[in-house]
């Protein structure tokens, strides 16, 4: 029987397209673990954040800028 380490090594050796497909299948297989209340809370939060963006209440930043700022903060 394969260990988690073995399976992980095999998965990471796959081409990126296959890894993405595998990740989606694994995620789909555990969806039932999220309670409906938690799922609703996440969707409500996502909707709230989207409204803030649409209404101009928050400013979006490019991902590379966010990563740059995060790295700078971690160095402090």
PDB file of N, CA and C in Angstrom:
ATOM      1  N   UNK A   1       0.834  -1.183   0.000  1.00  0.00           N
ATOM      2  CA  UNK A   1       0.000   0.000   0.000  1.00  0.00           C
ATOM      3  C   UNK A   1       0.879   1.247   0.000  1.00  0.00           C
ATOM      4  N   UNK A   2       0.502   2.226  -0.773  1.00  0.00           N
ATOM      5  CA  UNK A   2       1.262   3.473  -0.877  1.00  0.00           C
ATOM      6  C   UNK A   2       1.028   4.353   0.343  1.00  0.00           C
ATOM      7  N   UNK A   3       2.080   5.031   0.753  1.00  0.00           N
ATOM      8  CA  UNK A   3       1.943   5.997   1.838  1.00  0.00           C
ATOM      9  C   UNK A   3       1.589   7.353   1.252  1.00  0.00           C
ATOM     10  N   UNK A   4       1.195   8.254   2.112  1.00  0.00           N
ATOM     11  CA  UNK A   4       0.894   9.606   1.652  1.00  0.00           C
ATOM     12  C   UNK A   4       2.110  10.229   0.987  1.00  0.00           C
ATOM     13  N   UNK A   5       3.278   9.973   1.531  1.00  0.00           N
ATOM     14  CA  UNK A   5       4.509  10.506   0.940  1.00  0.00           C
ATOM     15  C   UNK A   5       4.713   9.973  -0.469  1.00  0.00           C
ATOM     16  N   UNK A   6       4.493   8.670  -0.660  1.00  0.00           N
ATOM     17  CA  UNK A   6       4.635   8.071  -1.995  1.00  0.00           C
ATOM     18  C   UNK A   6       3.648   8.675  -2.982  1.00  0.00           C
ATOM     19  N   UNK A   7       2.403   8.787  -2.565  1.00  0.00           N
ATOM     20  CA  UNK A   7       1.368   9.327  -3.445  1.00  0.00           C
ATOM     21  C   UNK A   7       1.673  10.777  -3.779  1.00  0.00           C
ATOM     22  N   UNK A   8       2.131  11.537  -2.787  1.00  0.00           N
ATOM     23  CA  UNK A   8       2.479  12.938  -3.017  1.00  0.00           C
ATOM     24  C   UNK A   8       3.598  13.057  -4.035  1.00  0.00           C
ATOM     25  N   UNK A   9       4.637  12.256  -3.890  1.00  0.00           N
ATOM     26  CA  UNK A   9       5.745  12.282  -4.854  1.00  0.00           C
ATOM     27  C   UNK A   9       5.259  11.960  -6.258  1.00  0.00           C
ATOM     28  N   UNK A  10       4.398  10.950  -6.366  1.00  0.00           N
ATOM     29  CA  UNK A  10       3.860  10.576  -7.676  1.00  0.00           C
ATOM     30  C   UNK A  10       3.016  11.708  -8.255  1.00  0.00           C
ATOM     31  N   UNK A  11       2.190  12.326  -7.411  1.00  0.00           N
ATOM     32  CA  UNK A  11       1.327  13.406  -7.884  1.00  0.00           C
ATOM     33  C   UNK A  11       2.152  14.591  -8.360  1.00  0.00           C
ATOM     34  N   UNK A  12       3.183  14.944  -7.608  1.00  0.00           N
ATOM     35  CA  UNK A  12       4.003  16.092  -7.982  1.00  0.00           C
ATOM     36  C   UNK A  12       4.848  15.844  -9.223  1.00  0.00           C
ATOM     37  N   UNK A  13       5.014  14.587  -9.598  1.00  0.00           N
ATOM     38  CA  UNK A  13       5.759  14.248 -10.812  1.00  0.00           C
ATOM     39  C   UNK A  13       4.888  14.345 -12.065  1.00  0.00           C
ATOM     40  N   UNK A  14       3.591  14.484 -11.890  1.00  0.00           N
ATOM     41  CA  UNK A  14       2.676  14.582 -13.032  1.00  0.00           C
ATOM     42  C   UNK A  14       2.820  15.924 -13.734  1.00  0.00           C
ATOM     43  N   UNK A  15       2.440  15.974 -15.014  1.00  0.00           N
ATOM     44  CA  UNK A  15       2.397  17.265 -15.711  1.00  0.00           C
ATOM     45  C   UNK A  15       1.393  18.187 -15.007  1.00  0.00           C
ATOM     46  N   UNK A  16       1.591  19.480 -15.119  1.00  0.00           N
ATOM     47  CA  UNK A  16       0.769  20.443 -14.394  1.00  0.00           C
ATOM     48  C   UNK A  16      -0.730  20.271 -14.671  1.00  0.00           C
ATOM     49  N   UNK A  17      -1.098  19.980 -15.905  1.00  0.00           N
ATOM     50  CA  UNK A  17      -2.516  19.809 -16.228  1.00  0.00           C
ATOM     51  C   UNK A  17      -3.116  18.638 -15.454  1.00  0.00           C
ATOM     52  N   UNK A  18      -2.347  17.558 -15.333  1.00  0.00           N
ATOM     53  CA  UNK A  18      -2.822  16.393 -14.590  1.00  0.00           C
ATOM     54  C   UNK A  18      -2.885  16.681 -13.094  1.00  0.00           C
ATOM     55  N   UNK A  19      -1.936  17.468 -12.585  1.00  0.00           N
ATOM     56  CA  UNK A  19      -1.969  17.830 -11.163  1.00  0.00           C
ATOM     57  C   UNK A  19      -3.201  18.661 -10.844  1.00  0.00           C
ATOM     58  N   UNK A  20      -3.535  19.579 -11.746  1.00  0.00           N
ATOM     59  CA  UNK A  20      -4.729  20.402 -11.551  1.00  0.00           C
ATOM     60  C   UNK A  20      -5.970  19.521 -11.548  1.00  0.00           C
ATOM     61  N   UNK A  21      -6.062  18.608 -12.491  1.00  0.00           N
ATOM     62  CA  UNK A  21      -7.214  17.705 -12.554  1.00  0.00           C
ATOM     63  C   UNK A  21      -7.294  16.837 -11.302  1.00  0.00           C
ATOM     64  N   UNK A  22      -6.155  16.336 -10.850  1.00  0.00           N
ATOM     65  CA  UNK A  22      -6.120  15.528  -9.637  1.00  0.00           C
ATOM     66  C   UNK A  22      -6.553  16.344  -8.425  1.00  0.00           C
ATOM     67  N   UNK A  23      -6.041  17.556  -8.321  1.00  0.00           N
ATOM     68  CA  UNK A  23      -6.409  18.418  -7.188  1.00  0.00           C
ATOM     69  C   UNK A  23      -7.912  18.666  -7.171  1.00  0.00           C
ATOM     70  N   UNK A  24      -8.497  18.889  -8.327  1.00  0.00           N
ATOM     71  CA  UNK A  24      -9.939  19.117  -8.397  1.00  0.00           C
ATOM     72  C   UNK A  24     -10.710  17.875  -7.963  1.00  0.00           C
ATOM     73  N   UNK A  25     -10.260  16.716  -8.398  1.00  0.00           N
ATOM     74  CA  UNK A  25     -10.943  15.474  -8.006  1.00  0.00           C
ATOM     75  C   UNK A  25     -10.844  15.232  -6.506  1.00  0.00           C
ATOM     76  N   UNK A  26      -9.679  15.511  -5.930  1.00  0.00           N
ATOM     77  CA  UNK A  26      -9.515  15.342  -4.485  1.00  0.00           C
ATOM     78  C   UNK A  26     -10.412  16.326  -3.753  1.00  0.00           C
ATOM     79  N   UNK A  27     -10.417  17.582  -4.195  1.00  0.00           N
ATOM     80  CA  UNK A  27     -11.274  18.583  -3.573  1.00  0.00           C
ATOM     81  C   UNK A  27     -12.747  18.190  -3.668  1.00  0.00           C
ATOM     82  N   UNK A  28     -13.161  17.726  -4.837  1.00  0.00           N
ATOM     83  CA  UNK A  28     -14.549  17.282  -5.012  1.00  0.00           C
ATOM     84  C   UNK A  28     -14.900  16.147  -4.053  1.00  0.00           C
ATOM     85  N   UNK A  29     -13.918  15.301  -3.762  1.00  0.00           N
ATOM     86  CA  UNK A  29     -14.190  14.136  -2.916  1.00  0.00           C
ATOM     87  C   UNK A  29     -14.378  14.496  -1.446  1.00  0.00           C
ATOM     88  N   UNK A  30     -13.965  15.691  -1.044  1.00  0.00           N
ATOM     89  CA  UNK A  30     -14.100  16.091   0.360  1.00  0.00           C
ATOM     90  C   UNK A  30     -15.089  17.233   0.558  1.00  0.00           C
ATOM     91  N   UNK A  31     -15.786  17.607  -0.481  1.00  0.00           N
ATOM     92  CA  UNK A  31     -16.738  18.710  -0.375  1.00  0.00           C
ATOM     93  C   UNK A  31     -17.789  18.475   0.694  1.00  0.00           C
ATOM     94  N   UNK A  32     -18.168  17.236   0.901  1.00  0.00           N
ATOM     95  CA  UNK A  32     -19.224  16.949   1.867  1.00  0.00           C
ATOM     96  C   UNK A  32     -18.818  17.250   3.305  1.00  0.00           C
ATOM     97  N   UNK A  33     -17.535  17.514   3.546  1.00  0.00           N
ATOM     98  CA  UNK A  33     -17.080  17.825   4.899  1.00  0.00           C
ATOM     99  C   UNK A  33     -17.419  19.257   5.298  1.00  0.00           C
ATOM    100  N   UNK A  34     -17.660  20.106   4.332  1.00  0.00           N
ATOM    101  CA  UNK A  34     -18.017  21.493   4.646  1.00  0.00           C
ATOM    102  C   UNK A  34     -19.503  21.551   4.978  1.00  0.00           C
ATOM    103  N   UNK A  35     -19.813  22.071   6.141  1.00  0.00           N
ATOM    104  CA  UNK A  35     -21.215  22.172   6.532  1.00  0.00           C
ATOM    105  C   UNK A  35     -21.892  23.252   5.697  1.00  0.00           C
ATOM    106  N   UNK A  36     -23.173  23.132   5.480  1.00  0.00           N
ATOM    107  CA  UNK A  36     -23.900  24.151   4.715  1.00  0.00           C
ATOM    108  C   UNK A  36     -23.773  25.545   5.353  1.00  0.00           C
ATOM    109  N   UNK A  37     -23.720  25.601   6.677  1.00  0.00           N
ATOM    110  CA  UNK A  37     -23.604  26.895   7.352  1.00  0.00           C
ATOM    111  C   UNK A  37     -22.257  27.554   7.047  1.00  0.00           C
ATOM    112  N   UNK A  38     -21.195  26.745   7.071  1.00  0.00           N
ATOM    113  CA  UNK A  38     -19.870  27.283   6.770  1.00  0.00           C
ATOM    114  C   UNK A  38     -19.789  27.704   5.313  1.00  0.00           C
ATOM    115  N   UNK A  39     -20.312  26.893   4.428  1.00  0.00           N
ATOM    116  CA  UNK A  39     -20.309  27.228   3.000  1.00  0.00           C
ATOM    117  C   UNK A  39     -21.055  28.538   2.760  1.00  0.00           C
ATOM    118  N   UNK A  40     -22.207  28.697   3.408  1.00  0.00           N
ATOM    119  CA  UNK A  40     -22.993  29.926   3.260  1.00  0.00           C
ATOM    120  C   UNK A  40     -22.214  31.121   3.805  1.00  0.00           C
ATOM    121  N   UNK A  41     -21.542  30.951   4.932  1.00  0.00           N
ATOM    122  CA  UNK A  41     -20.758  32.046   5.513  1.00  0.00           C
ATOM    123  C   UNK A  41     -19.660  32.487   4.553  1.00  0.00           C
ATOM    124  N   UNK A  42     -18.979  31.522   3.916  1.00  0.00           N
ATOM    125  CA  UNK A  42     -17.934  31.862   2.947  1.00  0.00           C
ATOM    126  C   UNK A  42     -18.515  32.598   1.742  1.00  0.00           C
ATOM    127  N   UNK A  43     -19.651  32.132   1.257  1.00  0.00           N
ATOM    128  CA  UNK A  43     -20.278  32.788   0.103  1.00  0.00           C
ATOM    129  C   UNK A  43     -20.736  34.195   0.469  1.00  0.00           C
ATOM    130  N   UNK A  44     -21.299  34.367   1.670  1.00  0.00           N
ATOM    131  CA  UNK A  44     -21.715  35.701   2.118  1.00  0.00           C
ATOM    132  C   UNK A  44     -20.512  36.642   2.194  1.00  0.00           C
ATOM    133  N   UNK A  45     -19.398  36.133   2.726  1.00  0.00           N
ATOM    134  CA  UNK A  45     -18.184  36.940   2.827  1.00  0.00           C
ATOM    135  C   UNK A  45     -17.658  37.316   1.442  1.00  0.00           C
ATOM    136  N   UNK A  46     -17.647  36.355   0.526  1.00  0.00           N
ATOM    137  CA  UNK A  46     -17.191  36.635  -0.842  1.00  0.00           C
ATOM    138  C   UNK A  46     -18.083  37.685  -1.493  1.00  0.00           C
ATOM    139  N   UNK A  47     -19.397  37.563  -1.304  1.00  0.00           N
ATOM    140  CA  UNK A  47     -20.331  38.553  -1.861  1.00  0.00           C
ATOM    141  C   UNK A  47     -20.091  39.935  -1.261  1.00  0.00           C
ATOM    142  N   UNK A  48     -19.871  39.990   0.059  1.00  0.00           N
ATOM    143  CA  UNK A  48     -19.623  41.264   0.729  1.00  0.00           C
ATOM    144  C   UNK A  48     -18.361  41.931   0.166  1.00  0.00           C
ATOM    145  N   UNK A  49     -17.315  41.128   0.014  1.00  0.00           N
ATOM    146  CA  UNK A  49     -16.058  41.682  -0.503  1.00  0.00           C
ATOM    147  C   UNK A  49     -16.205  42.149  -1.942  1.00  0.00           C
ATOM    148  N   UNK A  50     -16.947  41.390  -2.743  1.00  0.00           N
ATOM    149  CA  UNK A  50     -17.164  41.790  -4.142  1.00  0.00           C
ATOM    150  C   UNK A  50     -17.925  43.113  -4.203  1.00  0.00           C
ATOM    151  N   UNK A  51     -18.945  43.261  -3.348  1.00  0.00           N
ATOM    152  CA  UNK A  51     -19.701  44.524  -3.316  1.00  0.00           C
ATOM    153  C   UNK A  51     -18.788  45.695  -2.947  1.00  0.00           C
ATOM    154  N   UNK A  52     -17.902  45.482  -1.982  1.00  0.00           N
ATOM    155  CA  UNK A  52     -16.969  46.540  -1.593  1.00  0.00           C
ATOM    156  C   UNK A  52     -16.080  46.956  -2.765  1.00  0.00           C
ATOM    157  N   UNK A  53     -15.658  45.996  -3.554  1.00  0.00           N
ATOM    158  CA  UNK A  53     -14.847  46.303  -4.741  1.00  0.00           C
ATOM    159  C   UNK A  53     -15.683  47.076  -5.748  1.00  0.00           C
ATOM    160  N   UNK A  54     -16.867  46.576  -6.034  1.00  0.00           N
ATOM    161  CA  UNK A  54     -17.736  47.217  -7.027  1.00  0.00           C
ATOM    162  C   UNK A  54     -18.123  48.632  -6.615  1.00  0.00           C
ATOM    163  N   UNK A  55     -18.317  48.867  -5.323  1.00  0.00           N
ATOM    164  CA  UNK A  55     -18.718  50.180  -4.819  1.00  0.00           C
ATOM    165  C   UNK A  55     -17.525  51.121  -4.628  1.00  0.00           C
ATOM    166  N   UNK A  56     -16.314  50.624  -4.879  1.00  0.00           N
ATOM    167  CA  UNK A  56     -15.126  51.450  -4.749  1.00  0.00           C
ATOM    168  C   UNK A  56     -14.702  51.688  -3.306  1.00  0.00           C
ATOM    169  N   UNK A  57     -15.195  50.872  -2.381  1.00  0.00           N
ATOM    170  CA  UNK A  57     -14.847  51.036  -0.964  1.00  0.00           C
ATOM    171  C   UNK A  57     -13.455  50.502  -0.646  1.00  0.00           C
ATOM    172  N   UNK A  58     -12.965  49.612  -1.480  1.00  0.00           N
ATOM    173  CA  UNK A  58     -11.622  49.066  -1.289  1.00  0.00           C
ATOM    174  C   UNK A  58     -10.863  49.172  -2.598  1.00  0.00           C
ATOM    175  N   UNK A  59      -9.555  49.235  -2.470  1.00  0.00           N
ATOM    176  CA  UNK A  59      -8.709  49.328  -3.651  1.00  0.00           C
ATOM    177  C   UNK A  59      -8.022  47.985  -3.871  1.00  0.00           C
ATOM    178  N   UNK A  60      -8.148  47.455  -5.062  1.00  0.00           N
ATOM    179  CA  UNK A  60      -7.492  46.194  -5.401  1.00  0.00           C
ATOM    180  C   UNK A  60      -6.042  46.481  -5.809  1.00  0.00           C
ATOM    181  N   UNK A  61      -5.191  45.536  -5.508  1.00  0.00           N
ATOM    182  CA  UNK A  61      -3.781  45.633  -5.882  1.00  0.00           C
ATOM    183  C   UNK A  61      -3.412  44.432  -6.740  1.00  0.00           C
ATOM    184  N   UNK A  62      -2.473  44.608  -7.671  1.00  0.00           N
ATOM    185  CA  UNK A  62      -1.995  43.466  -8.447  1.00  0.00           C
ATOM    186  C   UNK A  62      -1.326  42.446  -7.519  1.00  0.00           C
ATOM    187  N   UNK A  63      -1.427  41.194  -7.861  1.00  0.00           N
ATOM    188  CA  UNK A  63      -0.877  40.124  -7.027  1.00  0.00           C
ATOM    189  C   UNK A  63       0.613  40.310  -6.772  1.00  0.00           C
ATOM    190  N   UNK A  64       1.363  40.756  -7.784  1.00  0.00           N
ATOM    191  CA  UNK A  64       2.806  40.918  -7.572  1.00  0.00           C
ATOM    192  C   UNK A  64       3.099  41.998  -6.532  1.00  0.00           C
ATOM    193  N   UNK A  65       2.275  43.027  -6.466  1.00  0.00           N
ATOM    194  CA  UNK A  65       2.451  44.064  -5.451  1.00  0.00           C
ATOM    195  C   UNK A  65       2.113  43.528  -4.060  1.00  0.00           C
ATOM    196  N   UNK A  66       1.056  42.747  -3.968  1.00  0.00           N
ATOM    197  CA  UNK A  66       0.676  42.144  -2.687  1.00  0.00           C
ATOM    198  C   UNK A  66       1.801  41.242  -2.180  1.00  0.00           C
ATOM    199  N   UNK A  67       2.359  40.432  -3.055  1.00  0.00           N
ATOM    200  CA  UNK A  67       3.446  39.534  -2.654  1.00  0.00           C
ATOM    201  C   UNK A  67       4.676  40.334  -2.232  1.00  0.00           C
ATOM    202  N   UNK A  68       4.977  41.415  -2.943  1.00  0.00           N
ATOM    203  CA  UNK A  68       6.109  42.262  -2.591  1.00  0.00           C
ATOM    204  C   UNK A  68       5.919  42.833  -1.187  1.00  0.00           C
ATOM    205  N   UNK A  69       4.730  43.360  -0.906  1.00  0.00           N
ATOM    206  CA  UNK A  69       4.452  43.919   0.411  1.00  0.00           C
ATOM    207  C   UNK A  69       4.523  42.854   1.499  1.00  0.00           C
ATOM    208  N   UNK A  70       4.009  41.662   1.214  1.00  0.00           N
ATOM    209  CA  UNK A  70       4.047  40.589   2.200  1.00  0.00           C
ATOM    210  C   UNK A  70       5.488  40.197   2.522  1.00  0.00           C
ATOM    211  N   UNK A  71       6.311  40.083   1.492  1.00  0.00           N
ATOM    212  CA  UNK A  71       7.723  39.731   1.720  1.00  0.00           C
ATOM    213  C   UNK A  71       8.430  40.798   2.552  1.00  0.00           C
ATOM    214  N   UNK A  72       8.135  42.068   2.254  1.00  0.00           N
ATOM    215  CA  UNK A  72       8.742  43.166   3.017  1.00  0.00           C
ATOM    216  C   UNK A  72       8.334  43.091   4.491  1.00  0.00           C
ATOM    217  N   UNK A  73       7.082  42.808   4.742  1.00  0.00           N
ATOM    218  CA  UNK A  73       6.600  42.729   6.130  1.00  0.00           C
ATOM    219  C   UNK A  73       7.206  41.535   6.859  1.00  0.00           C
ATOM    220  N   UNK A  74       7.419  40.445   6.160  1.00  0.00           N
ATOM    221  CA  UNK A  74       8.001  39.268   6.790  1.00  0.00           C
ATOM    222  C   UNK A  74       9.474  39.482   7.151  1.00  0.00           C
ATOM    223  N   UNK A  75      10.152  40.361   6.447  1.00  0.00           N
ATOM    224  CA  UNK A  75      11.567  40.627   6.719  1.00  0.00           C
ATOM    225  C   UNK A  75      11.771  41.472   7.968  1.00  0.00           C
ATOM    226  N   UNK A  76      10.726  42.150   8.412  1.00  0.00           N
ATOM    227  CA  UNK A  76      10.843  43.045   9.586  1.00  0.00           C
ATOM    228  C   UNK A  76      11.024  42.271  10.857  1.00  0.00           C
TER     229      UNK A  76
END
